[in-house]
Amino acid sequence: MSSDIIKESVANRLRAHRTRSGMSLDAAAAATGVSKAMLGQIERRESAPTIATLWKIARGLGISFSSFFPEPSPAQPDRPLFPHDPDMRVVLVFPYNPVTRMEMLRVTLKNHHLQRSLAHQIGVVEHVVPISGIIDVWYEDSWRTATPDSPIRFHADVPHAYRAVTETAVFENIICYT
């Protein structure tokens, strides 16, 4: 997925959610911890948010991470959401489903990449299921190792991080919202 398509999707969905909620840019900035200027730039497609910024926005607005992206199409089922990050590839496998309150991402970390994440909404649980390679997951002040034979489940309403132990690690990230 091109950077322009990502900007457009995030901009449209952010503006639509904010408008439906009757929220001003000032109120959205206060709720998310992302500056009014940055939110305005995102809505005007002048800037594409980083993964960390998008999680802050989702958390502050009380919506799912995948709600910012179009659903995967059969023609392009494996399109990355953030093509500008050479060491991290995120692909939407299943978008957020309001019935199951879950979404699924496929994450590839290269070059021993370390990706930090802020705490998500209270009650969010992540399931990290490695497909290949070894990944360390940091939460509750310690690192834990996940392998294809040993997945990890943790409460993601705390700061957490993912680190590729091997040169490349690929994992499914199933996110469950309460």
N, C-alpha and C. Protein backbone atom coordinates (compact mmCIF):
# COMPACT_ATOMS: atom_id res chain seq x y z
N MET A 1 0.86 -1.16 0.00
CA MET A 1 0.00 0.00 0.00
C MET A 1 0.90 1.22 0.00
N SER A 2 0.64 2.16 -0.86
CA SER A 2 1.49 3.34 -0.97
C SER A 2 1.28 4.26 0.22
N SER A 3 2.27 5.11 0.43
CA SER A 3 2.20 6.08 1.52
C SER A 3 1.01 7.03 1.34
N ASP A 4 0.71 7.39 0.08
CA ASP A 4 -0.42 8.28 -0.18
C ASP A 4 -1.75 7.64 0.20
N ILE A 5 -1.90 6.35 -0.08
CA ILE A 5 -3.14 5.65 0.27
C ILE A 5 -3.27 5.57 1.79
N ILE A 6 -2.17 5.33 2.48
CA ILE A 6 -2.21 5.28 3.94
C ILE A 6 -2.61 6.64 4.49
N LYS A 7 -1.97 7.70 3.99
CA LYS A 7 -2.31 9.05 4.47
C LYS A 7 -3.79 9.34 4.26
N GLU A 8 -4.30 8.99 3.09
CA GLU A 8 -5.70 9.25 2.78
C GLU A 8 -6.63 8.47 3.70
N SER A 9 -6.34 7.19 3.89
CA SER A 9 -7.19 6.35 4.73
C SER A 9 -7.19 6.84 6.18
N VAL A 10 -5.99 7.08 6.72
CA VAL A 10 -5.90 7.55 8.11
C VAL A 10 -6.57 8.91 8.25
N ALA A 11 -6.32 9.81 7.31
CA ALA A 11 -6.91 11.16 7.38
C ALA A 11 -8.43 11.09 7.36
N ASN A 12 -8.98 10.34 6.42
CA ASN A 12 -10.44 10.25 6.30
C ASN A 12 -11.07 9.61 7.53
N ARG A 13 -10.46 8.55 8.02
CA ARG A 13 -11.05 7.85 9.16
C ARG A 13 -10.90 8.62 10.47
N LEU A 14 -9.77 9.32 10.61
CA LEU A 14 -9.59 10.16 11.79
C LEU A 14 -10.62 11.29 11.80
N ARG A 15 -10.75 11.98 10.68
CA ARG A 15 -11.71 13.09 10.58
C ARG A 15 -13.14 12.59 10.80
N ALA A 16 -13.48 11.44 10.18
CA ALA A 16 -14.85 10.91 10.32
C ALA A 16 -15.15 10.56 11.78
N HIS A 17 -14.20 9.91 12.46
CA HIS A 17 -14.44 9.55 13.86
C HIS A 17 -14.57 10.81 14.72
N ARG A 18 -13.69 11.75 14.49
CA ARG A 18 -13.71 12.98 15.27
C ARG A 18 -15.02 13.73 15.04
N THR A 19 -15.48 13.79 13.79
CA THR A 19 -16.72 14.48 13.45
C THR A 19 -17.93 13.78 14.07
N ARG A 20 -17.99 12.43 13.93
CA ARG A 20 -19.09 11.66 14.53
C ARG A 20 -19.17 11.88 16.03
N SER A 21 -18.00 12.01 16.65
CA SER A 21 -17.94 12.18 18.11
C SER A 21 -18.18 13.63 18.53
N GLY A 22 -18.27 14.55 17.56
CA GLY A 22 -18.45 15.96 17.88
C GLY A 22 -17.22 16.54 18.55
N MET A 23 -16.06 16.02 18.21
CA MET A 23 -14.82 16.38 18.87
C MET A 23 -14.03 17.39 18.02
N SER A 24 -13.60 18.47 18.62
CA SER A 24 -12.75 19.44 17.94
C SER A 24 -11.32 18.90 17.88
N LEU A 25 -10.47 19.56 17.10
CA LEU A 25 -9.06 19.18 17.09
C LEU A 25 -8.44 19.39 18.46
N ASP A 26 -8.84 20.46 19.15
CA ASP A 26 -8.33 20.70 20.51
C ASP A 26 -8.70 19.55 21.44
N ALA A 27 -9.95 19.12 21.38
CA ALA A 27 -10.40 18.02 22.25
C ALA A 27 -9.70 16.71 21.89
N ALA A 28 -9.51 16.46 20.59
CA ALA A 28 -8.81 15.25 20.16
C ALA A 28 -7.36 15.28 20.63
N ALA A 29 -6.73 16.45 20.56
CA ALA A 29 -5.35 16.58 21.02
C ALA A 29 -5.26 16.29 22.52
N ALA A 30 -6.21 16.83 23.28
CA ALA A 30 -6.21 16.59 24.72
C ALA A 30 -6.43 15.12 25.04
N ALA A 31 -7.29 14.46 24.28
CA ALA A 31 -7.59 13.04 24.55
C ALA A 31 -6.46 12.11 24.14
N THR A 32 -5.72 12.48 23.10
CA THR A 32 -4.71 11.56 22.55
C THR A 32 -3.29 11.86 22.97
N GLY A 33 -3.02 13.09 23.39
CA GLY A 33 -1.64 13.48 23.68
C GLY A 33 -0.85 13.78 22.42
N VAL A 34 -1.53 13.85 21.28
CA VAL A 34 -0.92 14.23 20.01
C VAL A 34 -1.32 15.67 19.75
N SER A 35 -0.36 16.50 19.38
CA SER A 35 -0.64 17.93 19.24
C SER A 35 -1.72 18.22 18.21
N LYS A 36 -2.42 19.32 18.43
CA LYS A 36 -3.44 19.77 17.50
C LYS A 36 -2.83 19.98 16.11
N ALA A 37 -1.62 20.53 16.06
CA ALA A 37 -0.94 20.76 14.78
C ALA A 37 -0.70 19.44 14.05
N MET A 38 -0.23 18.43 14.78
CA MET A 38 0.04 17.13 14.15
C MET A 38 -1.26 16.48 13.68
N LEU A 39 -2.30 16.53 14.50
CA LEU A 39 -3.58 15.96 14.08
C LEU A 39 -4.10 16.66 12.82
N GLY A 40 -3.95 17.97 12.78
CA GLY A 40 -4.36 18.73 11.60
C GLY A 40 -3.56 18.32 10.36
N GLN A 41 -2.26 18.14 10.53
CA GLN A 41 -1.41 17.70 9.42
C GLN A 41 -1.83 16.32 8.93
N ILE A 42 -2.16 15.45 9.85
CA ILE A 42 -2.60 14.10 9.47
C ILE A 42 -3.92 14.19 8.70
N GLU A 43 -4.86 14.97 9.21
CA GLU A 43 -6.16 15.11 8.53
C GLU A 43 -6.04 15.76 7.16
N ARG A 44 -5.06 16.64 6.99
CA ARG A 44 -4.86 17.31 5.70
C ARG A 44 -3.95 16.50 4.77
N ARG A 45 -3.54 15.32 5.22
CA ARG A 45 -2.66 14.42 4.45
C ARG A 45 -1.27 15.01 4.22
N GLU A 46 -0.86 15.90 5.09
CA GLU A 46 0.47 16.48 5.00
C GLU A 46 1.50 15.63 5.71
N SER A 47 1.04 14.73 6.58
CA SER A 47 1.93 13.89 7.36
C SER A 47 1.28 12.53 7.57
N ALA A 48 2.10 11.49 7.50
CA ALA A 48 1.63 10.13 7.84
C ALA A 48 2.13 9.83 9.24
N PRO A 49 1.26 9.42 10.13
CA PRO A 49 1.70 9.16 11.51
C PRO A 49 2.57 7.91 11.59
N THR A 50 3.45 7.93 12.57
CA THR A 50 4.22 6.72 12.86
C THR A 50 3.29 5.71 13.52
N ILE A 51 3.75 4.49 13.67
CA ILE A 51 2.96 3.46 14.35
C ILE A 51 2.67 3.91 15.78
N ALA A 52 3.67 4.45 16.46
CA ALA A 52 3.48 4.88 17.85
C ALA A 52 2.44 6.00 17.95
N THR A 53 2.49 6.95 17.02
CA THR A 53 1.53 8.05 17.03
C THR A 53 0.12 7.54 16.75
N LEU A 54 0.00 6.62 15.80
CA LEU A 54 -1.32 6.08 15.47
C LEU A 54 -1.90 5.32 16.67
N TRP A 55 -1.06 4.59 17.40
CA TRP A 55 -1.55 3.90 18.60
C TRP A 55 -2.01 4.92 19.65
N LYS A 56 -1.28 6.03 19.79
CA LYS A 56 -1.69 7.07 20.75
C LYS A 56 -3.06 7.62 20.37
N ILE A 57 -3.26 7.85 19.07
CA ILE A 57 -4.55 8.38 18.61
C ILE A 57 -5.65 7.36 18.87
N ALA A 58 -5.41 6.11 18.50
CA ALA A 58 -6.42 5.06 18.71
C ALA A 58 -6.77 4.93 20.19
N ARG A 59 -5.74 4.92 21.01
CA ARG A 59 -5.96 4.78 22.46
C ARG A 59 -6.77 5.95 23.00
N GLY A 60 -6.36 7.17 22.63
CA GLY A 60 -7.03 8.36 23.14
C GLY A 60 -8.46 8.48 22.68
N LEU A 61 -8.74 8.01 21.47
CA LEU A 61 -10.11 8.09 20.94
C LEU A 61 -10.93 6.85 21.29
N GLY A 62 -10.29 5.84 21.87
CA GLY A 62 -11.00 4.63 22.27
C GLY A 62 -11.45 3.79 21.08
N ILE A 63 -10.63 3.75 20.04
CA ILE A 63 -10.95 2.95 18.85
C ILE A 63 -9.82 1.98 18.55
N SER A 64 -10.07 1.03 17.68
CA SER A 64 -9.05 0.04 17.35
C SER A 64 -8.00 0.61 16.41
N PHE A 65 -6.82 0.04 16.47
CA PHE A 65 -5.71 0.43 15.60
C PHE A 65 -6.08 0.23 14.13
N SER A 66 -6.69 -0.93 13.83
CA SER A 66 -6.98 -1.26 12.43
C SER A 66 -8.13 -0.44 11.85
N SER A 67 -8.86 0.28 12.70
CA SER A 67 -9.99 1.05 12.18
C SER A 67 -9.55 2.19 11.26
N PHE A 68 -8.26 2.50 11.26
CA PHE A 68 -7.74 3.56 10.39
C PHE A 68 -7.47 3.09 8.96
N PHE A 69 -7.52 1.79 8.72
CA PHE A 69 -7.08 1.26 7.43
C PHE A 69 -8.22 0.59 6.68
N PRO A 70 -8.14 0.62 5.34
CA PRO A 70 -9.14 -0.12 4.56
C PRO A 70 -8.93 -1.62 4.77
N GLU A 71 -10.01 -2.38 4.63
CA GLU A 71 -9.91 -3.83 4.79
C GLU A 71 -9.01 -4.40 3.71
N PRO A 72 -8.32 -5.51 4.03
CA PRO A 72 -7.48 -6.14 3.00
C PRO A 72 -8.34 -6.56 1.81
N SER A 73 -7.81 -6.41 0.64
CA SER A 73 -8.56 -6.82 -0.55
C SER A 73 -7.98 -8.14 -1.06
N PRO A 74 -8.81 -8.96 -1.70
CA PRO A 74 -8.29 -10.21 -2.25
C PRO A 74 -7.16 -9.97 -3.25
N ALA A 75 -7.19 -8.82 -3.93
CA ALA A 75 -6.15 -8.51 -4.91
C ALA A 75 -4.82 -8.17 -4.25
N GLN A 76 -4.86 -7.61 -3.04
CA GLN A 76 -3.65 -7.23 -2.32
C GLN A 76 -3.75 -7.65 -0.85
N PRO A 77 -3.76 -8.95 -0.56
CA PRO A 77 -3.96 -9.37 0.82
C PRO A 77 -2.75 -9.11 1.72
N ASP A 78 -1.58 -8.88 1.12
CA ASP A 78 -0.36 -8.78 1.91
C ASP A 78 0.29 -7.40 1.77
N ARG A 79 -0.52 -6.35 1.73
CA ARG A 79 0.03 -5.01 1.56
C ARG A 79 0.44 -4.43 2.91
N PRO A 80 1.64 -3.87 3.01
CA PRO A 80 2.08 -3.32 4.29
C PRO A 80 1.37 -2.01 4.61
N LEU A 81 1.15 -1.77 5.89
CA LEU A 81 0.47 -0.55 6.32
C LEU A 81 1.44 0.61 6.46
N PHE A 82 2.70 0.33 6.73
CA PHE A 82 3.70 1.37 6.93
C PHE A 82 4.91 1.09 6.05
N PRO A 83 4.80 1.35 4.75
CA PRO A 83 5.89 1.00 3.83
C PRO A 83 7.16 1.83 4.02
N HIS A 84 7.09 2.93 4.77
CA HIS A 84 8.26 3.79 4.94
C HIS A 84 9.23 3.30 6.01
N ASP A 85 8.87 2.27 6.77
CA ASP A 85 9.75 1.75 7.82
C ASP A 85 10.44 0.50 7.30
N PRO A 86 11.74 0.57 6.96
CA PRO A 86 12.41 -0.59 6.35
C PRO A 86 12.62 -1.76 7.30
N ASP A 87 12.58 -1.53 8.61
CA ASP A 87 12.84 -2.60 9.56
C ASP A 87 11.59 -3.19 10.20
N MET A 88 10.42 -2.64 9.87
CA MET A 88 9.18 -3.17 10.43
C MET A 88 8.10 -3.15 9.36
N ARG A 89 7.50 -4.28 9.16
CA ARG A 89 6.41 -4.39 8.19
C ARG A 89 5.17 -4.85 8.94
N VAL A 90 4.07 -4.13 8.78
CA VAL A 90 2.81 -4.48 9.44
C VAL A 90 1.76 -4.68 8.35
N VAL A 91 1.14 -5.86 8.37
CA VAL A 91 0.10 -6.18 7.40
C VAL A 91 -1.18 -6.49 8.18
N LEU A 92 -2.28 -5.90 7.75
CA LEU A 92 -3.58 -6.17 8.36
C LEU A 92 -4.11 -7.49 7.82
N VAL A 93 -4.24 -8.49 8.69
CA VAL A 93 -4.75 -9.80 8.29
C VAL A 93 -6.27 -9.81 8.42
N PHE A 94 -6.77 -9.47 9.61
CA PHE A 94 -8.19 -9.33 9.85
C PHE A 94 -8.42 -8.00 10.53
N PRO A 95 -9.26 -7.13 9.96
CA PRO A 95 -9.55 -5.85 10.60
C PRO A 95 -10.36 -6.06 11.87
N TYR A 96 -10.45 -5.02 12.64
CA TYR A 96 -11.23 -5.06 13.87
C TYR A 96 -12.66 -5.50 13.58
N ASN A 97 -13.14 -6.44 14.39
CA ASN A 97 -14.50 -6.94 14.26
C ASN A 97 -15.24 -6.55 15.55
N PRO A 98 -16.29 -5.74 15.46
CA PRO A 98 -16.98 -5.30 16.67
C PRO A 98 -17.69 -6.43 17.43
N VAL A 99 -17.99 -7.53 16.74
CA VAL A 99 -18.64 -8.66 17.42
C VAL A 99 -17.62 -9.40 18.29
N THR A 100 -16.47 -9.73 17.72
CA THR A 100 -15.45 -10.46 18.48
C THR A 100 -14.54 -9.53 19.25
N ARG A 101 -14.54 -8.22 18.88
CA ARG A 101 -13.68 -7.20 19.49
C ARG A 101 -12.20 -7.56 19.34
N MET A 102 -11.86 -8.11 18.15
CA MET A 102 -10.49 -8.53 17.88
C MET A 102 -10.04 -8.02 16.51
N GLU A 103 -8.72 -7.92 16.35
CA GLU A 103 -8.11 -7.66 15.06
C GLU A 103 -6.81 -8.46 15.02
N MET A 104 -6.29 -8.69 13.80
CA MET A 104 -5.07 -9.48 13.67
C MET A 104 -4.13 -8.82 12.68
N LEU A 105 -2.89 -8.67 13.10
CA LEU A 105 -1.85 -8.08 12.28
C LEU A 105 -0.74 -9.11 12.09
N ARG A 106 -0.03 -9.04 10.96
CA ARG A 106 1.19 -9.84 10.77
C ARG A 106 2.34 -8.84 10.79
N VAL A 107 3.27 -9.05 11.69
CA VAL A 107 4.37 -8.11 11.89
C VAL A 107 5.69 -8.81 11.54
N THR A 108 6.51 -8.12 10.75
CA THR A 108 7.85 -8.60 10.44
C THR A 108 8.84 -7.57 10.97
N LEU A 109 9.76 -8.03 11.79
CA LEU A 109 10.83 -7.17 12.30
C LEU A 109 12.13 -7.65 11.67
N LYS A 110 12.90 -6.73 11.10
CA LYS A 110 14.18 -7.05 10.47
C LYS A 110 15.31 -6.34 11.18
N ASN A 111 16.52 -6.85 10.98
CA ASN A 111 17.73 -6.21 11.52
C ASN A 111 17.67 -6.02 13.03
N HIS A 112 17.12 -7.03 13.73
CA HIS A 112 17.02 -7.00 15.20
C HIS A 112 16.26 -5.77 15.70
N HIS A 113 15.29 -5.35 14.92
CA HIS A 113 14.52 -4.14 15.22
C HIS A 113 13.85 -4.21 16.59
N LEU A 114 13.85 -3.10 17.28
CA LEU A 114 13.16 -2.93 18.56
C LEU A 114 12.02 -1.95 18.32
N GLN A 115 10.80 -2.37 18.64
CA GLN A 115 9.62 -1.51 18.48
C GLN A 115 8.95 -1.35 19.83
N ARG A 116 8.89 -0.12 20.31
CA ARG A 116 8.24 0.16 21.60
C ARG A 116 6.79 0.56 21.35
N SER A 117 5.94 0.24 22.29
CA SER A 117 4.53 0.59 22.19
C SER A 117 4.05 1.16 23.51
N LEU A 118 3.27 2.21 23.41
CA LEU A 118 2.64 2.76 24.59
C LEU A 118 1.54 1.81 25.07
N ALA A 119 1.08 2.02 26.28
CA ALA A 119 -0.03 1.23 26.80
C ALA A 119 -1.27 1.47 25.95
N HIS A 120 -2.01 0.40 25.69
CA HIS A 120 -3.27 0.51 24.97
C HIS A 120 -4.39 0.74 25.98
N GLN A 121 -5.63 0.72 25.52
CA GLN A 121 -6.77 0.93 26.40
C GLN A 121 -6.77 -0.14 27.51
N ILE A 122 -7.37 0.20 28.63
CA ILE A 122 -7.48 -0.73 29.75
C ILE A 122 -8.18 -2.01 29.26
N GLY A 123 -7.60 -3.15 29.59
CA GLY A 123 -8.20 -4.44 29.27
C GLY A 123 -7.75 -5.05 27.95
N VAL A 124 -6.99 -4.33 27.14
CA VAL A 124 -6.54 -4.88 25.85
C VAL A 124 -5.53 -6.00 26.12
N VAL A 125 -5.73 -7.12 25.43
CA VAL A 125 -4.82 -8.26 25.54
C VAL A 125 -4.25 -8.55 24.16
N GLU A 126 -2.94 -8.77 24.10
CA GLU A 126 -2.28 -9.13 22.84
C GLU A 126 -1.80 -10.57 22.92
N HIS A 127 -1.90 -11.24 21.77
CA HIS A 127 -1.37 -12.59 21.60
C HIS A 127 -0.29 -12.49 20.54
N VAL A 128 0.93 -12.82 20.89
CA VAL A 128 2.07 -12.78 19.97
C VAL A 128 2.39 -14.22 19.61
N VAL A 129 2.15 -14.55 18.33
CA VAL A 129 2.32 -15.93 17.86
C VAL A 129 3.39 -15.92 16.76
N PRO A 130 4.64 -16.23 17.11
CA PRO A 130 5.70 -16.22 16.10
C PRO A 130 5.47 -17.26 15.00
N ILE A 131 5.75 -16.85 13.77
CA ILE A 131 5.69 -17.75 12.62
C ILE A 131 7.09 -18.23 12.29
N SER A 132 8.04 -17.29 12.33
CA SER A 132 9.44 -17.65 12.10
C SER A 132 10.32 -16.71 12.91
N GLY A 133 11.48 -17.21 13.27
CA GLY A 133 12.41 -16.42 14.06
C GLY A 133 12.03 -16.42 15.53
N ILE A 134 12.78 -15.66 16.29
CA ILE A 134 12.57 -15.54 17.74
C ILE A 134 12.37 -14.07 18.06
N ILE A 135 11.41 -13.81 18.92
CA ILE A 135 11.10 -12.43 19.31
C ILE A 135 11.04 -12.34 20.82
N ASP A 136 11.59 -11.26 21.34
CA ASP A 136 11.44 -10.95 22.76
C ASP A 136 10.31 -9.94 22.90
N VAL A 137 9.50 -10.11 23.93
CA VAL A 137 8.41 -9.19 24.22
C VAL A 137 8.63 -8.66 25.63
N TRP A 138 8.62 -7.34 25.76
CA TRP A 138 8.82 -6.70 27.05
C TRP A 138 7.50 -6.17 27.57
N TYR A 139 7.15 -6.57 28.78
CA TYR A 139 5.98 -6.04 29.47
C TYR A 139 6.15 -6.34 30.95
N GLU A 140 5.50 -5.56 31.79
CA GLU A 140 5.62 -5.71 33.24
C GLU A 140 7.07 -5.77 33.67
N ASP A 141 7.89 -4.90 33.07
CA ASP A 141 9.29 -4.70 33.46
C ASP A 141 10.23 -5.87 33.21
N SER A 142 9.90 -6.76 32.27
CA SER A 142 10.86 -7.81 31.93
C SER A 142 10.64 -8.31 30.50
N TRP A 143 11.73 -8.86 29.94
CA TRP A 143 11.68 -9.44 28.60
C TRP A 143 11.30 -10.90 28.70
N ARG A 144 10.46 -11.36 27.76
CA ARG A 144 10.07 -12.77 27.66
C ARG A 144 10.27 -13.19 26.21
N THR A 145 10.70 -14.40 26.00
CA THR A 145 11.00 -14.86 24.65
C THR A 145 9.85 -15.68 24.09
N ALA A 146 9.49 -15.36 22.84
CA ALA A 146 8.44 -16.09 22.12
C ALA A 146 9.08 -16.77 20.91
N THR A 147 8.71 -18.01 20.69
CA THR A 147 9.17 -18.78 19.53
C THR A 147 7.94 -19.38 18.85
N PRO A 148 8.10 -19.97 17.67
CA PRO A 148 6.94 -20.60 17.03
C PRO A 148 6.27 -21.67 17.91
N ASP A 149 7.04 -22.28 18.80
CA ASP A 149 6.48 -23.29 19.70
C ASP A 149 6.02 -22.72 21.05
N SER A 150 6.26 -21.44 21.27
CA SER A 150 5.97 -20.86 22.57
C SER A 150 5.46 -19.42 22.43
N PRO A 151 4.17 -19.26 22.06
CA PRO A 151 3.61 -17.91 21.92
C PRO A 151 3.42 -17.24 23.28
N ILE A 152 3.13 -15.96 23.24
CA ILE A 152 2.96 -15.18 24.47
C ILE A 152 1.62 -14.44 24.41
N ARG A 153 0.95 -14.39 25.54
CA ARG A 153 -0.26 -13.57 25.71
C ARG A 153 -0.01 -12.64 26.89
N PHE A 154 -0.35 -11.37 26.73
CA PHE A 154 -0.12 -10.43 27.82
C PHE A 154 -1.12 -9.29 27.76
N HIS A 155 -1.30 -8.64 28.90
CA HIS A 155 -2.16 -7.45 28.98
C HIS A 155 -1.37 -6.29 28.40
N ALA A 156 -1.89 -5.70 27.33
CA ALA A 156 -1.19 -4.64 26.61
C ALA A 156 -1.62 -3.26 27.06
N ASP A 157 -2.25 -3.17 28.23
CA ASP A 157 -2.61 -1.86 28.76
C ASP A 157 -1.49 -1.31 29.64
N VAL A 158 -0.28 -1.79 29.34
CA VAL A 158 0.96 -1.30 29.94
C VAL A 158 1.94 -1.04 28.80
N PRO A 159 2.93 -0.18 29.01
CA PRO A 159 3.94 -0.03 27.96
C PRO A 159 4.58 -1.39 27.67
N HIS A 160 4.87 -1.64 26.40
CA HIS A 160 5.46 -2.92 26.02
C HIS A 160 6.32 -2.72 24.78
N ALA A 161 7.07 -3.76 24.41
CA ALA A 161 7.98 -3.65 23.26
C ALA A 161 8.18 -5.02 22.65
N TYR A 162 8.63 -5.00 21.40
CA TYR A 162 8.94 -6.22 20.65
C TYR A 162 10.36 -6.05 20.12
N ARG A 163 11.16 -7.12 20.19
CA ARG A 163 12.53 -7.06 19.69
C ARG A 163 12.84 -8.37 18.96
N ALA A 164 13.30 -8.25 17.72
CA ALA A 164 13.70 -9.43 16.95
C ALA A 164 15.04 -9.93 17.50
N VAL A 165 15.03 -11.14 18.04
CA VAL A 165 16.26 -11.75 18.54
C VAL A 165 17.08 -12.25 17.35
N THR A 166 16.39 -12.89 16.41
CA THR A 166 17.03 -13.33 15.18
C THR A 166 17.05 -12.16 14.20
N GLU A 167 17.82 -12.28 13.15
CA GLU A 167 17.91 -11.20 12.14
C GLU A 167 16.53 -10.75 11.70
N THR A 168 15.62 -11.71 11.47
CA THR A 168 14.25 -11.41 11.08
C THR A 168 13.31 -12.26 11.92
N ALA A 169 12.25 -11.68 12.37
CA ALA A 169 11.21 -12.40 13.12
C ALA A 169 9.86 -11.99 12.56
N VAL A 170 9.00 -12.98 12.32
CA VAL A 170 7.66 -12.73 11.81
C VAL A 170 6.67 -13.30 12.83
N PHE A 171 5.67 -12.49 13.19
CA PHE A 171 4.68 -12.98 14.15
C PHE A 171 3.30 -12.44 13.83
N GLU A 172 2.30 -13.20 14.24
CA GLU A 172 0.91 -12.76 14.19
C GLU A 172 0.65 -12.06 15.51
N ASN A 173 -0.01 -10.92 15.44
CA ASN A 173 -0.36 -10.17 16.64
C ASN A 173 -1.88 -10.07 16.67
N ILE A 174 -2.47 -10.83 17.56
CA ILE A 174 -3.92 -10.83 17.71
C ILE A 174 -4.24 -9.92 18.90
N ILE A 175 -5.01 -8.88 18.63
CA ILE A 175 -5.30 -7.87 19.64
C ILE A 175 -6.78 -7.97 20.02
N CYS A 176 -7.03 -8.19 21.30
CA CYS A 176 -8.39 -8.34 21.82
C CYS A 176 -8.73 -7.14 22.70
N TYR A 177 -9.82 -6.46 22.35
CA TYR A 177 -10.27 -5.29 23.09
C TYR A 177 -11.40 -5.69 24.04
N THR A 178 -11.52 -5.01 25.16
CA THR A 178 -12.60 -5.34 26.10
C THR A 178 -13.82 -4.53 25.78
